[in-house]
C-alpha atoms as a PDB file:
ATOM      1  CA  UNK A   1     104.705 102.478  81.989  1.00  0.00           C
ATOM      2  CA  UNK A   2     106.245  99.679  83.849  1.00  0.00           C
ATOM      3  CA  UNK A   3     109.752  98.955  82.773  1.00  0.00           C
ATOM      4  CA  UNK A   4     110.184  95.783  84.802  1.00  0.00           C
ATOM      5  CA  UNK A   5     106.814  93.809  85.454  1.00  0.00           C
ATOM      6  CA  UNK A   6     108.555  91.052  87.045  1.00  0.00           C
ATOM      7  CA  UNK A   7     109.883  93.071  89.783  1.00  0.00           C
ATOM      8  CA  UNK A   8     106.308  94.706  90.328  1.00  0.00           C
ATOM      9  CA  UNK A   9     104.752  91.188  90.457  1.00  0.00           C
ATOM     10  CA  UNK A  10     107.286  90.003  93.032  1.00  0.00           C
ATOM     11  CA  UNK A  11     106.672  93.079  95.143  1.00  0.00           C
ATOM     12  CA  UNK A  12     102.933  92.741  94.913  1.00  0.00           C
ATOM     13  CA  UNK A  13     103.193  88.935  95.818  1.00  0.00           C
ATOM     14  CA  UNK A  14     105.383  89.576  98.887  1.00  0.00           C
ATOM     15  CA  UNK A  15     103.070  92.329 100.037  1.00  0.00           C
ATOM     16  CA  UNK A  16      99.978  90.037  99.633  1.00  0.00           C
ATOM     17  CA  UNK A  17     101.752  87.182 101.565  1.00  0.00           C
ATOM     18  CA  UNK A  18     102.494  89.532 104.575  1.00  0.00           C
ATOM     19  CA  UNK A  19     106.196  89.329 103.850  1.00  0.00           C
ATOM     20  CA  UNK A  20     106.346  92.983 102.569  1.00  0.00           C
ATOM     21  CA  UNK A  21     107.199  94.977 105.523  1.00  0.00           C
ATOM     22  CA  UNK A  22     109.585  97.368 104.017  1.00  0.00           C
ATOM     23  CA  UNK A  23     112.351  99.199 105.878  1.00  0.00           C
ATOM     24  CA  UNK A  24     112.429 102.889 105.938  1.00  0.00           C
ATOM     25  CA  UNK A  25     115.343 102.920 103.454  1.00  0.00           C
ATOM     26  CA  UNK A  26     113.265 100.699 101.078  1.00  0.00           C
ATOM     27  CA  UNK A  27     110.202 102.717 101.368  1.00  0.00           C
ATOM     28  CA  UNK A  28     112.233 106.097 100.905  1.00  0.00           C
ATOM     29  CA  UNK A  29     113.826 104.465  97.694  1.00  0.00           C
ATOM     30  CA  UNK A  30     110.446 103.237  96.389  1.00  0.00           C
ATOM     31  CA  UNK A  31     108.884 106.611  96.948  1.00  0.00           C
ATOM     32  CA  UNK A  32     111.759 108.441  95.255  1.00  0.00           C
ATOM     33  CA  UNK A  33     111.600 106.157  92.185  1.00  0.00           C
ATOM     34  CA  UNK A  34     107.878 106.750  91.853  1.00  0.00           C
ATOM     35  CA  UNK A  35     108.196 110.425  92.085  1.00  0.00           C
ATOM     36  CA  UNK A  36     110.962 110.226  89.560  1.00  0.00           C
ATOM     37  CA  UNK A  37     108.673 108.253  87.211  1.00  0.00           C
ATOM     38  CA  UNK A  38     105.924 110.864  87.790  1.00  0.00           C
ATOM     39  CA  UNK A  39     108.265 113.767  86.889  1.00  0.00           C
ATOM     40  CA  UNK A  40     109.331 111.910  83.803  1.00  0.00           C
ATOM     41  CA  UNK A  41     105.702 111.391  82.763  1.00  0.00           C
ATOM     42  CA  UNK A  42     105.023 115.171  83.317  1.00  0.00           C
ATOM     43  CA  UNK A  43     102.486 114.595  85.979  1.00  0.00           C
ATOM     44  CA  UNK A  44     104.644 115.634  88.882  1.00  0.00           C
ATOM     45  CA  UNK A  45     105.127 118.102  90.429  1.00  0.00           C
ATOM     46  CA  UNK A  46     101.415 119.435  90.175  1.00  0.00           C
ATOM     47  CA  UNK A  47     100.823 122.697  88.453  1.00  0.00           C
ATOM     48  CA  UNK A  48      98.526 123.734  91.177  1.00  0.00           C
ATOM     49  CA  UNK A  49      99.778 122.132  94.384  1.00  0.00           C
ATOM     50  CA  UNK A  50      96.660 123.218  96.565  1.00  0.00           C
ATOM     51  CA  UNK A  51      94.085 122.259  93.752  1.00  0.00           C
ATOM     52  CA  UNK A  52      91.633 119.882  95.518  1.00  0.00           C
ATOM     53  CA  UNK A  53      92.930 120.433  98.972  1.00  0.00           C
ATOM     54  CA  UNK A  54      89.467 121.165 100.407  1.00  0.00           C
ATOM     55  CA  UNK A  55      88.346 117.620  99.416  1.00  0.00           C
ATOM     56  CA  UNK A  56      91.554 116.217 101.095  1.00  0.00           C
ATOM     57  CA  UNK A  57      90.921 117.998 104.189  1.00  0.00           C
ATOM     58  CA  UNK A  58      87.190 116.705 104.405  1.00  0.00           C
ATOM     59  CA  UNK A  59      88.358 113.293 103.896  1.00  0.00           C
ATOM     60  CA  UNK A  60      91.072 113.471 106.373  1.00  0.00           C
ATOM     61  CA  UNK A  61      88.553 114.735 108.871  1.00  0.00           C
ATOM     62  CA  UNK A  62      86.201 111.827 108.238  1.00  0.00           C
ATOM     63  CA  UNK A  63      89.119 109.244 108.547  1.00  0.00           C
ATOM     64  CA  UNK A  64      90.346 110.853 111.728  1.00  0.00           C
ATOM     65  CA  UNK A  65      86.938 110.914 113.346  1.00  0.00           C
ATOM     66  CA  UNK A  66      86.640 107.192 112.462  1.00  0.00           C
ATOM     67  CA  UNK A  67      89.894 106.366 114.181  1.00  0.00           C
ATOM     68  CA  UNK A  68      88.900 108.297 117.408  1.00  0.00           C
ATOM     69  CA  UNK A  69      85.686 106.383 117.903  1.00  0.00           C
ATOM     70  CA  UNK A  70      85.663 103.023 119.766  1.00  0.00           C
ATOM     71  CA  UNK A  71      84.560 100.234 117.582  1.00  0.00           C
ATOM     72  CA  UNK A  72      81.305  98.593 118.680  1.00  0.00           C
ATOM     73  CA  UNK A  73      81.437  95.216 120.047  1.00  0.00           C
END
Protein backbone atom coordinates (compact mmCIF):
# COMPACT_ATOMS: atom_id res chain seq x y z
CA UNK A 1 0.00 0.00 0.00
CA UNK A 2 1.39 3.37 -0.98
CA UNK A 3 0.78 5.88 1.78
CA UNK A 4 1.89 8.98 -0.11
CA UNK A 5 1.40 8.63 -3.88
CA UNK A 6 2.51 12.21 -4.51
CA UNK A 7 5.99 11.47 -3.12
CA UNK A 8 6.23 8.32 -5.25
CA UNK A 9 5.15 10.23 -8.36
CA UNK A 10 7.75 12.93 -7.70
CA UNK A 11 10.47 10.30 -7.24
CA UNK A 12 9.48 8.56 -10.47
CA UNK A 13 9.40 11.84 -12.38
CA UNK A 14 12.85 12.81 -11.11
CA UNK A 15 14.33 9.45 -12.03
CA UNK A 16 12.78 9.53 -15.50
CA UNK A 17 14.22 13.00 -16.16
CA UNK A 18 17.67 11.86 -15.11
CA UNK A 19 17.73 14.04 -12.03
CA UNK A 20 17.34 11.12 -9.71
CA UNK A 21 20.93 10.23 -8.93
CA UNK A 22 20.50 9.36 -5.29
CA UNK A 23 23.22 9.73 -2.71
CA UNK A 24 24.24 6.73 -0.63
CA UNK A 25 22.35 8.15 2.34
CA UNK A 26 19.12 8.57 0.37
CA UNK A 27 19.51 5.12 -1.17
CA UNK A 28 20.07 3.53 2.25
CA UNK A 29 17.04 5.35 3.67
CA UNK A 30 14.90 4.24 0.71
CA UNK A 31 16.03 0.63 1.10
CA UNK A 32 15.35 0.67 4.84
CA UNK A 33 11.88 2.11 4.28
CA UNK A 34 11.07 -0.49 1.63
CA UNK A 35 12.39 -3.29 3.87
CA UNK A 36 10.28 -2.06 6.80
CA UNK A 37 7.21 -1.93 4.57
CA UNK A 38 7.87 -5.53 3.52
CA UNK A 39 8.17 -6.55 7.17
CA UNK A 40 4.87 -4.81 7.99
CA UNK A 41 3.21 -6.60 5.07
CA UNK A 42 4.58 -9.93 6.28
CA UNK A 43 6.56 -10.74 3.13
CA UNK A 44 10.00 -10.03 4.63
CA UNK A 45 12.14 -11.65 5.84
CA UNK A 46 11.47 -14.66 3.62
CA UNK A 47 10.54 -17.89 5.38
CA UNK A 48 13.00 -19.83 3.22
CA UNK A 49 15.88 -17.42 2.42
CA UNK A 50 17.57 -19.81 -0.03
CA UNK A 51 14.40 -20.76 -1.91
CA UNK A 52 14.96 -20.09 -5.60
CA UNK A 53 18.69 -19.45 -5.19
CA UNK A 54 19.51 -21.79 -8.08
CA UNK A 55 17.51 -19.62 -10.47
CA UNK A 56 19.15 -16.47 -9.14
CA UNK A 57 22.60 -17.99 -9.65
CA UNK A 58 21.80 -19.00 -13.25
CA UNK A 59 20.49 -15.52 -14.04
CA UNK A 60 23.58 -13.92 -12.48
CA UNK A 61 25.87 -16.16 -14.56
CA UNK A 62 24.09 -15.15 -17.77
CA UNK A 63 24.18 -11.45 -16.92
CA UNK A 64 27.84 -11.59 -15.91
CA UNK A 65 28.78 -13.38 -19.12
CA UNK A 66 27.03 -10.64 -21.11
CA UNK A 67 29.07 -7.99 -19.32
CA UNK A 68 32.36 -9.72 -20.11
CA UNK A 69 31.76 -9.99 -23.86
CA UNK A 70 32.60 -7.01 -26.05
CA UNK A 71 29.62 -5.61 -27.86
CA UNK A 72 29.65 -6.00 -31.64
CA UNK A 73 30.12 -2.91 -33.61
